[in-house]
């Protein structure tokens, strides 16, 4: 059993800042009528959170197409803590990563010929992410320019993100571009959004 979700990941917030920022974002979404303070586990399949905020009376203001507004979406789970986020359905590795210094794209999974990560290519990224999860600091070297780049600065493929704060919108219609831009401004950080199924 599972459901579709749309996720917004703050890729710049620190582990220490994530909790207080999550509370401020919840306060804002409640004040806008997008969610309520009531929580429910119905339809929430986030890996580390089993409850989410029930949609508020004005939830349609966050979505691109409200034509099916009679169908109420699921809760919004707030995931606090350093982690990597994937689109679901068994995925755990990134397909590629782009170095922010030299713009070189490192291919990790050679789709469509391969469906699993090249272990030698993926290992430094995986180790850097593991170190970041544990300590708040972790990097991976770029094979092209040699720079040691923090894992939070690599530009990952669309269904992979590294961040300490994420918002899972379970069963919602696609969020509007305007809402996502406003969400990013409220966070004060760069965001990555992706859709998936769990």
Protein backbone atom coordinates (compact mmCIF):
# COMPACT_ATOMS: atom_id res chain seq x y z
CA UNK A 1 0.00 0.00 0.00
CA UNK A 2 1.21 3.50 -0.73
CA UNK A 3 0.28 6.77 -2.34
CA UNK A 4 1.69 9.51 -4.51
CA UNK A 5 3.42 12.47 -2.92
CA UNK A 6 5.01 15.75 -3.83
CA UNK A 7 7.99 16.72 -1.72
CA UNK A 8 9.68 20.05 -1.08
CA UNK A 9 13.20 19.74 0.34
CA UNK A 10 15.13 22.64 1.85
CA UNK A 11 18.66 21.91 0.63
CA UNK A 12 20.38 24.73 2.52
CA UNK A 13 19.05 24.63 6.08
CA UNK A 14 21.39 23.26 8.75
CA UNK A 15 20.43 20.46 11.10
CA UNK A 16 20.23 22.90 14.03
CA UNK A 17 18.01 25.34 12.13
CA UNK A 18 15.65 22.71 10.69
CA UNK A 19 13.37 22.20 13.72
CA UNK A 20 12.63 25.87 14.44
CA UNK A 21 12.21 26.59 10.72
CA UNK A 22 9.78 23.67 10.39
CA UNK A 23 7.67 25.15 13.20
CA UNK A 24 7.61 28.57 11.51
CA UNK A 25 6.56 27.02 8.19
CA UNK A 26 3.76 25.06 9.87
CA UNK A 27 2.58 28.25 11.61
CA UNK A 28 2.54 30.04 8.25
CA UNK A 29 0.66 27.25 6.43
CA UNK A 30 -1.90 27.09 9.26
CA UNK A 31 -2.38 30.88 9.14
CA UNK A 32 -2.93 30.63 5.35
CA UNK A 33 -5.55 27.89 5.80
CA UNK A 34 -3.47 25.36 3.83
CA UNK A 35 -3.15 22.90 6.72
CA UNK A 36 -4.50 22.58 10.25
CA UNK A 37 -2.78 21.72 13.52
CA UNK A 38 -4.72 18.46 13.59
CA UNK A 39 -2.57 15.50 12.62
CA UNK A 40 -3.37 12.13 11.10
CA UNK A 41 -1.48 9.07 9.96
CA UNK A 42 -4.00 8.21 7.23
CA UNK A 43 -2.18 8.07 3.93
CA UNK A 44 1.22 9.10 5.35
CA UNK A 45 4.07 6.86 4.19
CA UNK A 46 7.11 9.04 4.88
CA UNK A 47 10.13 7.02 5.95
CA UNK A 48 10.79 8.71 9.30
CA UNK A 49 7.41 10.33 10.04
CA UNK A 50 4.06 8.57 10.43
CA UNK A 51 1.82 11.60 11.04
CA UNK A 52 1.06 14.69 9.02
CA UNK A 53 -1.01 17.86 9.22
CA UNK A 54 -4.55 17.55 7.89
CA UNK A 55 -5.33 19.90 4.95
CA UNK A 56 -6.99 23.17 5.85
CA UNK A 57 -10.03 24.82 4.28
CA UNK A 58 -7.94 26.73 1.73
CA UNK A 59 -5.61 23.92 0.61
CA UNK A 60 -6.63 24.51 -3.04
CA UNK A 61 -4.64 27.77 -2.99
CA UNK A 62 -1.42 25.73 -3.06
CA UNK A 63 -2.19 23.61 -6.12
CA UNK A 64 -1.97 24.21 -9.86
CA UNK A 65 -5.35 22.72 -10.71
CA UNK A 66 -8.19 22.82 -8.18
CA UNK A 67 -10.81 21.41 -10.55
CA UNK A 68 -11.09 18.28 -8.39
CA UNK A 69 -11.38 20.22 -5.13
CA UNK A 70 -14.09 17.88 -3.80
CA UNK A 71 -11.45 15.18 -3.35
CA UNK A 72 -9.61 16.11 -0.16
CA UNK A 73 -5.86 15.38 -0.25
CA UNK A 74 -3.91 13.61 2.46
CA UNK A 75 -1.81 15.07 5.27
CA UNK A 76 1.40 17.08 4.96
CA UNK A 77 4.25 15.34 6.78
CA UNK A 78 7.11 17.49 8.07
CA UNK A 79 10.40 15.58 8.02
CA UNK A 80 13.13 17.11 10.19
CA UNK A 81 16.66 15.71 10.16
CA UNK A 82 19.59 15.30 7.79
CA UNK A 83 18.69 12.73 5.15
CA UNK A 84 18.65 11.97 1.45
CA UNK A 85 15.26 11.94 -0.24
CA UNK A 86 14.22 9.87 -3.25
CA UNK A 87 11.15 9.53 -5.44
CA UNK A 88 10.23 6.20 -3.86
CA UNK A 89 9.48 2.77 -5.34
CA UNK A 90 12.76 1.19 -4.28
CA UNK A 91 15.07 3.98 -5.52
CA UNK A 92 17.92 4.86 -3.19
CA UNK A 93 20.79 6.05 -5.39
CA UNK A 94 21.10 9.13 -7.59
CA UNK A 95 21.26 8.70 -11.35
CA UNK A 96 23.76 11.55 -11.68
CA UNK A 97 25.26 14.56 -9.93
CA UNK A 98 26.49 17.86 -11.39
CA UNK A 99 29.50 19.62 -9.89
CA UNK A 100 28.58 23.22 -9.00
CA UNK A 101 32.20 24.29 -9.56
CA UNK A 102 32.89 23.05 -13.11
CA UNK A 103 29.39 21.90 -14.23
CA UNK A 104 30.64 18.38 -15.06
CA UNK A 105 27.93 15.73 -14.89
CA UNK A 106 29.00 12.54 -13.13
CA UNK A 107 26.83 9.65 -14.30
CA UNK A 108 26.19 7.17 -11.48
CA UNK A 109 23.58 4.92 -13.13
CA UNK A 110 23.92 4.35 -16.90
CA UNK A 111 20.22 4.31 -17.83
CA UNK A 112 18.82 2.57 -19.81
CA UNK A 113 21.65 0.03 -20.04
CA UNK A 114 21.99 -0.29 -16.25
CA UNK A 115 19.50 0.03 -13.41
CA UNK A 116 21.92 0.00 -10.48
CA UNK A 117 24.61 2.46 -9.47
CA UNK A 118 28.19 1.95 -10.55
CA UNK A 119 29.59 1.12 -7.11
CA UNK A 120 32.97 2.73 -7.74
CA UNK A 121 31.41 5.99 -8.93
CA UNK A 122 28.68 6.07 -6.25
CA UNK A 123 30.90 5.17 -3.25
CA UNK A 124 32.43 8.64 -2.62
CA UNK A 125 28.98 10.25 -2.86
CA UNK A 126 27.40 7.64 -0.59
CA UNK A 127 30.23 8.01 1.94
CA UNK A 128 29.97 11.80 1.84
CA UNK A 129 26.22 11.67 2.40
CA UNK A 130 26.66 9.22 5.29
CA UNK A 131 29.23 11.52 6.93
CA UNK A 132 26.93 14.52 6.46
CA UNK A 133 23.99 12.66 8.02
CA UNK A 134 26.10 11.83 11.06
CA UNK A 135 28.07 15.04 11.56
CA UNK A 136 26.53 17.76 9.39
CA UNK A 137 29.60 17.83 7.16
CA UNK A 138 30.37 15.60 4.19
CA UNK A 139 31.74 16.06 0.71
CA UNK A 140 32.49 14.18 -2.49
CA UNK A 141 35.31 14.88 -4.93
CA UNK A 142 34.63 15.92 -8.52
CA UNK A 143 36.49 13.58 -10.86
CA UNK A 144 36.81 16.37 -13.44
CA UNK A 145 38.06 19.43 -11.53
CA UNK A 146 39.23 17.73 -8.34
CA UNK A 147 37.23 20.00 -6.02
CA UNK A 148 35.93 18.48 -2.80
CA UNK A 149 32.32 19.62 -2.90
CA UNK A 150 29.90 19.45 0.08
CA UNK A 151 27.13 16.95 -0.68
CA UNK A 152 24.53 19.67 -0.06
CA UNK A 153 25.98 21.70 -2.95
CA UNK A 154 26.02 18.99 -5.63
CA UNK A 155 23.13 19.32 -8.06
CA UNK A 156 21.42 15.96 -8.05
CA UNK A 157 19.05 14.44 -10.58
CA UNK A 158 15.40 15.49 -10.13
CA UNK A 159 14.31 12.50 -7.99
CA UNK A 160 17.13 12.80 -5.46
CA UNK A 161 17.78 15.51 -2.86
CA UNK A 162 19.93 16.00 0.21
CA UNK A 163 18.53 18.19 2.98
CA UNK A 164 17.68 18.52 6.66
CA UNK A 165 14.04 19.58 6.20
CA UNK A 166 11.37 18.21 3.88
CA UNK A 167 7.62 18.56 3.47
CA UNK A 168 5.72 15.58 2.01
CA UNK A 169 2.34 16.51 0.51
CA UNK A 170 0.54 13.14 0.40
CA UNK A 171 -2.11 12.68 -2.27
CA UNK A 172 -2.18 16.37 -3.24
CA UNK A 173 -2.69 17.56 -6.82
CA UNK A 174 0.52 19.06 -8.24
CA UNK A 175 1.60 22.14 -6.30
CA UNK A 176 1.60 25.39 -8.27
CA UNK A 177 4.84 27.08 -9.31
CA UNK A 178 3.71 30.22 -7.49
CA UNK A 179 3.17 28.35 -4.26
CA UNK A 180 6.57 26.64 -4.52
CA UNK A 181 8.26 30.01 -5.13
CA UNK A 182 6.46 31.51 -2.14
CA UNK A 183 7.40 28.47 -0.05
CA UNK A 184 11.07 28.94 -0.96
CA UNK A 185 10.94 32.64 -0.08
CA UNK A 186 9.39 31.81 3.29
CA UNK A 187 12.12 29.26 3.98
CA UNK A 188 14.77 31.72 2.84
CA UNK A 189 16.60 28.87 1.12
CA UNK A 190 16.88 27.04 -2.17
CA UNK A 191 14.44 24.16 -2.51
CA UNK A 192 14.24 21.02 -4.59
CA UNK A 193 10.88 19.50 -5.39
CA UNK A 194 10.07 16.07 -6.67
CA UNK A 195 7.15 13.73 -7.00
CA UNK A 196 7.09 10.04 -6.29
CA UNK A 197 5.20 7.09 -4.91
CA UNK A 198 5.78 5.15 -1.76
